[in-house]
Structure formats: structure tokens, C-alpha cells
N, C-alpha and C. Protein backbone atom coordinates (compact mmCIF):
# COMPACT_ATOMS: atom_id res chain seq x y z
N UNK A 1 -22.00 0.11 15.27
CA UNK A 1 -20.81 -0.43 14.66
C UNK A 1 -20.84 -1.96 14.73
N UNK A 2 -20.46 -2.57 13.64
CA UNK A 2 -20.40 -4.03 13.61
C UNK A 2 -19.14 -4.53 14.30
N UNK A 3 -19.22 -5.71 14.92
CA UNK A 3 -18.00 -6.30 15.47
C UNK A 3 -17.04 -6.68 14.35
N UNK A 4 -15.75 -6.65 14.64
CA UNK A 4 -14.72 -6.99 13.68
C UNK A 4 -13.95 -8.18 14.20
N UNK A 5 -13.77 -9.18 13.35
CA UNK A 5 -13.03 -10.39 13.71
C UNK A 5 -11.94 -10.63 12.69
N UNK A 6 -10.86 -11.25 13.12
CA UNK A 6 -9.77 -11.62 12.23
C UNK A 6 -9.88 -13.09 11.86
N UNK A 7 -9.72 -13.40 10.58
CA UNK A 7 -9.53 -14.78 10.17
C UNK A 7 -8.24 -15.24 10.87
N UNK A 8 -8.18 -16.48 11.34
CA UNK A 8 -6.97 -16.93 12.05
C UNK A 8 -5.68 -16.74 11.26
N UNK A 9 -5.71 -16.96 9.96
CA UNK A 9 -4.50 -16.78 9.15
C UNK A 9 -4.15 -15.30 9.01
N UNK A 10 -5.15 -14.42 8.97
CA UNK A 10 -4.88 -12.98 8.91
C UNK A 10 -4.22 -12.51 10.20
N UNK A 11 -4.71 -13.02 11.33
CA UNK A 11 -4.11 -12.65 12.61
C UNK A 11 -2.68 -13.14 12.69
N UNK A 12 -2.43 -14.36 12.21
CA UNK A 12 -1.07 -14.92 12.24
C UNK A 12 -0.13 -14.10 11.36
N UNK A 13 -0.57 -13.72 10.16
CA UNK A 13 0.33 -12.96 9.29
C UNK A 13 0.57 -11.55 9.84
N UNK A 14 -0.42 -10.98 10.52
CA UNK A 14 -0.23 -9.67 11.15
C UNK A 14 0.83 -9.78 12.25
N UNK A 15 0.74 -10.82 13.08
CA UNK A 15 1.71 -11.00 14.16
C UNK A 15 3.11 -11.30 13.61
N UNK A 16 3.18 -12.08 12.53
CA UNK A 16 4.48 -12.37 11.90
C UNK A 16 5.12 -11.09 11.37
N UNK A 17 4.32 -10.25 10.73
CA UNK A 17 4.85 -8.99 10.20
C UNK A 17 5.32 -8.09 11.34
N UNK A 18 4.54 -8.03 12.42
CA UNK A 18 4.93 -7.21 13.57
C UNK A 18 6.25 -7.70 14.17
N UNK A 19 6.41 -9.02 14.26
CA UNK A 19 7.65 -9.58 14.80
C UNK A 19 8.83 -9.24 13.89
N UNK A 20 8.62 -9.31 12.58
CA UNK A 20 9.69 -8.96 11.64
C UNK A 20 10.09 -7.50 11.80
N UNK A 21 9.10 -6.61 11.85
CA UNK A 21 9.40 -5.18 12.02
C UNK A 21 10.09 -4.92 13.35
N UNK A 22 9.66 -5.60 14.39
CA UNK A 22 10.28 -5.41 15.71
C UNK A 22 11.74 -5.86 15.69
N UNK A 23 12.04 -6.91 14.92
CA UNK A 23 13.42 -7.38 14.81
C UNK A 23 14.29 -6.38 14.03
N UNK A 24 13.67 -5.56 13.19
CA UNK A 24 14.41 -4.56 12.43
C UNK A 24 14.79 -3.35 13.29
N UNK A 25 13.82 -2.94 14.14
CA UNK A 25 14.06 -1.79 15.00
C UNK A 25 13.08 -1.83 16.17
N UNK A 26 13.58 -1.53 17.35
CA UNK A 26 12.75 -1.54 18.55
C UNK A 26 11.54 -0.62 18.37
N UNK A 27 10.38 -1.12 18.74
CA UNK A 27 9.09 -0.43 18.69
C UNK A 27 8.49 -0.31 17.29
N UNK A 28 9.21 -0.73 16.26
CA UNK A 28 8.64 -0.67 14.91
C UNK A 28 7.50 -1.67 14.77
N UNK A 29 7.61 -2.84 15.40
CA UNK A 29 6.52 -3.81 15.38
C UNK A 29 5.30 -3.26 16.10
N UNK A 30 5.52 -2.58 17.20
CA UNK A 30 4.42 -1.94 17.94
C UNK A 30 3.74 -0.88 17.08
N UNK A 31 4.55 -0.11 16.37
CA UNK A 31 4.00 0.92 15.48
C UNK A 31 3.17 0.29 14.36
N UNK A 32 3.65 -0.83 13.85
CA UNK A 32 2.90 -1.55 12.81
C UNK A 32 1.53 -1.97 13.34
N UNK A 33 1.51 -2.58 14.52
CA UNK A 33 0.24 -3.02 15.09
C UNK A 33 -0.70 -1.84 15.35
N UNK A 34 -0.16 -0.72 15.77
CA UNK A 34 -0.98 0.47 15.98
C UNK A 34 -1.58 0.94 14.66
N UNK A 35 -0.79 0.92 13.60
CA UNK A 35 -1.30 1.33 12.28
C UNK A 35 -2.38 0.39 11.77
N UNK A 36 -2.21 -0.92 12.01
CA UNK A 36 -3.24 -1.88 11.61
C UNK A 36 -4.51 -1.63 12.43
N UNK A 37 -4.36 -1.38 13.72
CA UNK A 37 -5.52 -1.10 14.57
C UNK A 37 -6.26 0.14 14.09
N UNK A 38 -5.53 1.18 13.73
CA UNK A 38 -6.17 2.40 13.21
C UNK A 38 -6.94 2.10 11.93
N UNK A 39 -6.35 1.28 11.06
CA UNK A 39 -7.03 0.92 9.81
C UNK A 39 -8.32 0.14 10.09
N UNK A 40 -8.27 -0.80 11.03
CA UNK A 40 -9.47 -1.59 11.32
C UNK A 40 -10.53 -0.74 12.00
N UNK A 41 -10.11 0.25 12.78
CA UNK A 41 -11.09 1.16 13.39
C UNK A 41 -11.79 1.99 12.32
N UNK A 42 -11.04 2.44 11.31
CA UNK A 42 -11.65 3.19 10.21
C UNK A 42 -12.60 2.29 9.42
N UNK A 43 -12.24 1.02 9.28
CA UNK A 43 -13.12 0.06 8.61
C UNK A 43 -14.43 -0.06 9.37
N UNK A 44 -14.35 -0.18 10.68
CA UNK A 44 -15.57 -0.33 11.49
C UNK A 44 -16.46 0.91 11.40
N UNK A 45 -15.87 2.07 11.34
CA UNK A 45 -16.64 3.31 11.28
C UNK A 45 -17.42 3.40 9.97
N UNK A 46 -16.75 3.11 8.85
CA UNK A 46 -17.43 3.16 7.57
C UNK A 46 -16.76 2.21 6.57
N UNK A 47 -17.16 0.93 6.59
CA UNK A 47 -16.51 -0.05 5.73
C UNK A 47 -16.66 0.25 4.23
N UNK A 48 -17.71 0.94 3.85
CA UNK A 48 -17.96 1.18 2.42
C UNK A 48 -17.08 2.27 1.81
N UNK A 49 -16.29 2.94 2.64
CA UNK A 49 -15.32 3.89 2.10
C UNK A 49 -14.14 3.19 1.45
N UNK A 50 -13.94 1.94 1.79
CA UNK A 50 -12.83 1.17 1.24
C UNK A 50 -13.23 0.56 -0.10
N UNK A 51 -12.34 0.61 -1.09
CA UNK A 51 -12.70 0.09 -2.41
C UNK A 51 -12.79 -1.44 -2.43
N UNK A 52 -13.63 -1.93 -3.30
CA UNK A 52 -13.74 -3.38 -3.52
C UNK A 52 -12.56 -3.80 -4.39
N UNK A 53 -11.85 -4.85 -3.95
CA UNK A 53 -10.69 -5.35 -4.70
C UNK A 53 -10.92 -6.75 -5.26
N UNK A 54 -11.92 -7.42 -4.76
CA UNK A 54 -12.30 -8.76 -5.23
C UNK A 54 -13.78 -8.92 -4.87
N UNK A 55 -14.38 -9.96 -5.37
CA UNK A 55 -15.79 -10.17 -5.10
C UNK A 55 -16.06 -10.12 -3.59
N UNK A 56 -16.83 -9.12 -3.16
CA UNK A 56 -17.25 -8.99 -1.76
C UNK A 56 -16.09 -8.77 -0.78
N UNK A 57 -14.94 -8.32 -1.26
CA UNK A 57 -13.79 -8.05 -0.40
C UNK A 57 -13.31 -6.63 -0.67
N UNK A 58 -13.09 -5.90 0.42
CA UNK A 58 -12.62 -4.52 0.34
C UNK A 58 -11.23 -4.41 0.95
N UNK A 59 -10.54 -3.31 0.63
CA UNK A 59 -9.18 -3.12 1.15
C UNK A 59 -9.04 -1.74 1.77
N UNK A 60 -8.46 -1.72 2.95
CA UNK A 60 -8.11 -0.47 3.62
C UNK A 60 -6.60 -0.45 3.77
N UNK A 61 -5.95 0.60 3.29
CA UNK A 61 -4.50 0.68 3.39
C UNK A 61 -4.08 0.99 4.83
N UNK A 62 -2.92 0.47 5.19
CA UNK A 62 -2.34 0.69 6.52
C UNK A 62 -1.36 1.85 6.40
N UNK A 63 -1.55 2.86 7.22
CA UNK A 63 -0.70 4.04 7.19
C UNK A 63 0.74 3.69 7.52
N UNK A 64 1.68 4.26 6.78
CA UNK A 64 3.12 4.17 7.00
C UNK A 64 3.75 2.86 6.52
N UNK A 65 3.00 1.79 6.46
CA UNK A 65 3.53 0.48 6.11
C UNK A 65 2.91 0.01 4.79
N UNK A 66 3.65 -0.80 4.02
CA UNK A 66 3.12 -1.27 2.72
C UNK A 66 2.19 -2.47 2.88
N UNK A 67 1.11 -2.28 3.64
CA UNK A 67 0.17 -3.34 3.93
C UNK A 67 -1.25 -2.85 3.68
N UNK A 68 -2.12 -3.80 3.40
CA UNK A 68 -3.53 -3.51 3.29
C UNK A 68 -4.31 -4.49 4.14
N UNK A 69 -5.41 -4.03 4.70
CA UNK A 69 -6.33 -4.88 5.47
C UNK A 69 -7.45 -5.26 4.50
N UNK A 70 -7.53 -6.54 4.17
CA UNK A 70 -8.57 -7.04 3.28
C UNK A 70 -9.69 -7.62 4.14
N UNK A 71 -10.92 -7.19 3.86
CA UNK A 71 -12.01 -7.59 4.73
C UNK A 71 -13.30 -7.80 3.96
N UNK A 72 -14.19 -8.57 4.59
CA UNK A 72 -15.54 -8.77 4.09
C UNK A 72 -16.49 -8.07 5.04
N UNK A 73 -17.39 -7.29 4.48
CA UNK A 73 -18.41 -6.60 5.24
C UNK A 73 -19.67 -7.44 5.18
N UNK A 74 -19.87 -8.29 6.18
CA UNK A 74 -21.01 -9.19 6.22
C UNK A 74 -22.17 -8.51 6.93
N UNK A 75 -23.33 -9.15 6.92
CA UNK A 75 -24.52 -8.56 7.54
C UNK A 75 -24.33 -8.25 9.02
N UNK A 76 -23.71 -9.18 9.74
CA UNK A 76 -23.64 -9.03 11.19
C UNK A 76 -22.23 -8.81 11.74
N UNK A 77 -21.22 -8.76 10.86
CA UNK A 77 -19.85 -8.58 11.33
C UNK A 77 -18.94 -8.21 10.16
N UNK A 78 -17.76 -7.77 10.49
CA UNK A 78 -16.71 -7.52 9.51
C UNK A 78 -15.62 -8.55 9.79
N UNK A 79 -15.19 -9.25 8.74
CA UNK A 79 -14.16 -10.27 8.91
C UNK A 79 -12.92 -9.86 8.12
N UNK A 80 -11.80 -9.68 8.83
CA UNK A 80 -10.53 -9.39 8.19
C UNK A 80 -10.00 -10.71 7.63
N UNK A 81 -9.87 -10.75 6.31
CA UNK A 81 -9.44 -11.98 5.63
C UNK A 81 -7.92 -12.05 5.50
N UNK A 82 -7.27 -10.88 5.44
CA UNK A 82 -5.81 -10.86 5.28
C UNK A 82 -5.27 -9.51 5.73
N UNK A 83 -4.06 -9.54 6.26
CA UNK A 83 -3.28 -8.33 6.48
C UNK A 83 -2.10 -8.52 5.54
N UNK A 84 -2.25 -7.98 4.34
CA UNK A 84 -1.42 -8.36 3.20
C UNK A 84 -0.34 -7.32 2.88
N UNK A 85 0.87 -7.82 2.71
CA UNK A 85 1.95 -6.97 2.20
C UNK A 85 1.60 -6.65 0.75
N UNK A 86 1.66 -5.39 0.39
CA UNK A 86 1.19 -4.97 -0.93
C UNK A 86 2.09 -5.39 -2.08
N UNK A 87 3.30 -5.88 -1.77
CA UNK A 87 4.19 -6.36 -2.82
C UNK A 87 4.19 -7.88 -2.93
N UNK A 88 3.28 -8.51 -2.23
CA UNK A 88 3.15 -9.97 -2.25
C UNK A 88 2.14 -10.37 -3.31
N UNK A 89 2.13 -11.63 -3.68
CA UNK A 89 1.13 -12.15 -4.63
C UNK A 89 -0.25 -11.73 -4.15
N UNK A 90 -0.97 -10.94 -4.94
CA UNK A 90 -2.25 -10.40 -4.45
C UNK A 90 -3.36 -11.42 -4.29
N UNK A 91 -3.19 -12.64 -4.78
CA UNK A 91 -4.27 -13.63 -4.72
C UNK A 91 -4.06 -14.72 -3.68
N UNK A 92 -2.98 -14.66 -2.91
CA UNK A 92 -2.65 -15.77 -2.01
C UNK A 92 -3.75 -16.07 -0.99
N UNK A 93 -4.53 -15.11 -0.60
CA UNK A 93 -5.51 -15.24 0.47
C UNK A 93 -6.89 -15.68 -0.02
N UNK A 94 -7.10 -15.74 -1.32
CA UNK A 94 -8.45 -15.92 -1.87
C UNK A 94 -9.11 -17.25 -1.52
N UNK A 95 -8.36 -18.24 -1.13
CA UNK A 95 -8.99 -19.52 -0.76
C UNK A 95 -9.53 -19.50 0.67
N UNK A 96 -9.28 -18.45 1.41
CA UNK A 96 -9.75 -18.36 2.80
C UNK A 96 -11.26 -18.11 2.82
N UNK A 97 -11.91 -18.79 3.72
CA UNK A 97 -13.35 -18.58 3.93
C UNK A 97 -13.54 -17.95 5.30
N UNK A 98 -14.55 -17.09 5.43
CA UNK A 98 -14.77 -16.51 6.77
C UNK A 98 -15.03 -17.61 7.79
N UNK A 99 -14.44 -17.50 8.96
CA UNK A 99 -14.74 -18.48 10.01
C UNK A 99 -16.20 -18.35 10.43
N UNK A 100 -16.79 -19.41 10.92
CA UNK A 100 -18.19 -19.32 11.35
C UNK A 100 -18.34 -18.31 12.48
N UNK A 101 -19.50 -17.68 12.54
CA UNK A 101 -19.78 -16.73 13.61
C UNK A 101 -19.77 -17.46 14.94
N UNK A 102 -19.24 -16.82 15.97
CA UNK A 102 -19.25 -17.48 17.28
C UNK A 102 -20.68 -17.60 17.78
N UNK A 103 -20.95 -18.74 18.36
CA UNK A 103 -22.29 -18.97 18.92
C UNK A 103 -22.30 -18.43 20.34
N UNK A 104 -23.39 -17.79 20.69
CA UNK A 104 -23.53 -17.28 22.06
C UNK A 104 -23.94 -18.42 22.97
N UNK A 105 -23.33 -18.44 24.12
CA UNK A 105 -23.66 -19.43 25.12
C UNK A 105 -25.09 -19.15 25.59
N UNK A 106 -25.93 -20.18 25.79
CA UNK A 106 -27.32 -19.96 26.20
C UNK A 106 -27.47 -19.09 27.43
N UNK A 107 -26.51 -19.14 28.35
CA UNK A 107 -26.63 -18.33 29.56
C UNK A 107 -26.43 -16.84 29.28
N UNK A 108 -25.88 -16.50 28.10
CA UNK A 108 -25.65 -15.09 27.79
C UNK A 108 -26.80 -14.50 26.94
N UNK A 109 -27.76 -15.32 26.59
CA UNK A 109 -28.88 -14.83 25.80
C UNK A 109 -29.81 -13.98 26.65
N UNK A 110 -30.30 -12.93 26.03
CA UNK A 110 -31.24 -12.07 26.76
C UNK A 110 -32.60 -12.77 26.88
N UNK A 111 -33.32 -12.57 27.99
CA UNK A 111 -34.61 -13.24 28.15
C UNK A 111 -35.65 -12.69 27.18
């Protein structure tokens, strides 16, 4: 399984949505985060099951909530580009570029 990383803006919008849901009803924000986690786990298991919605970007729907996880399946990782409300402007995230891959510290390299 490839590692999965969130674009910083995708992580921020996910947390904002969770906070909004939590303000609506206790534990609803927690339920939202659990549903997003389940969607990202399904992405990691088989990213190609998700349809392509833009050039090199796929979407996995979030169960129970009107959100989709938009991601890029790169050679060495999966990058979540947006956790998008499905009734929002569908192109707002397109200017985002995947963050650079984290560099391994030399002391963590295998001999």
C-alpha cells in the first residue's frame, strides 16, 4: 500500500468541515472524520476503483456526508488534494499542486 498524505489546504478544509458538523450536533464532526478516514483507507487499498474527475485526479465519495476525497495517485504516494463539499464550486481546488515528498533524514536511510 502506498502512503497517503493530505495537501495542507485539504487537511484544513477537512478540519473546518468537521468543526462545522460538530457545532451542529455533538459527535457529528467525529462521525465526519471517521467517514473521511474510511474513504481514504478504501483509496489506499485500490485507488483505481475511484473514477477520474480531472486530469490525473480521482474522487472517492465520503459515506453519509456530501463530500468527496479528491486525490492524485502518484508513483510513490497518494496525495489528497481536496476534501470537497459536493455542492461547492467543483474547480476551486485545481490550482493546488502536490506538496513535495518528504525527504528522509540521512540517519533513517537503510545501509
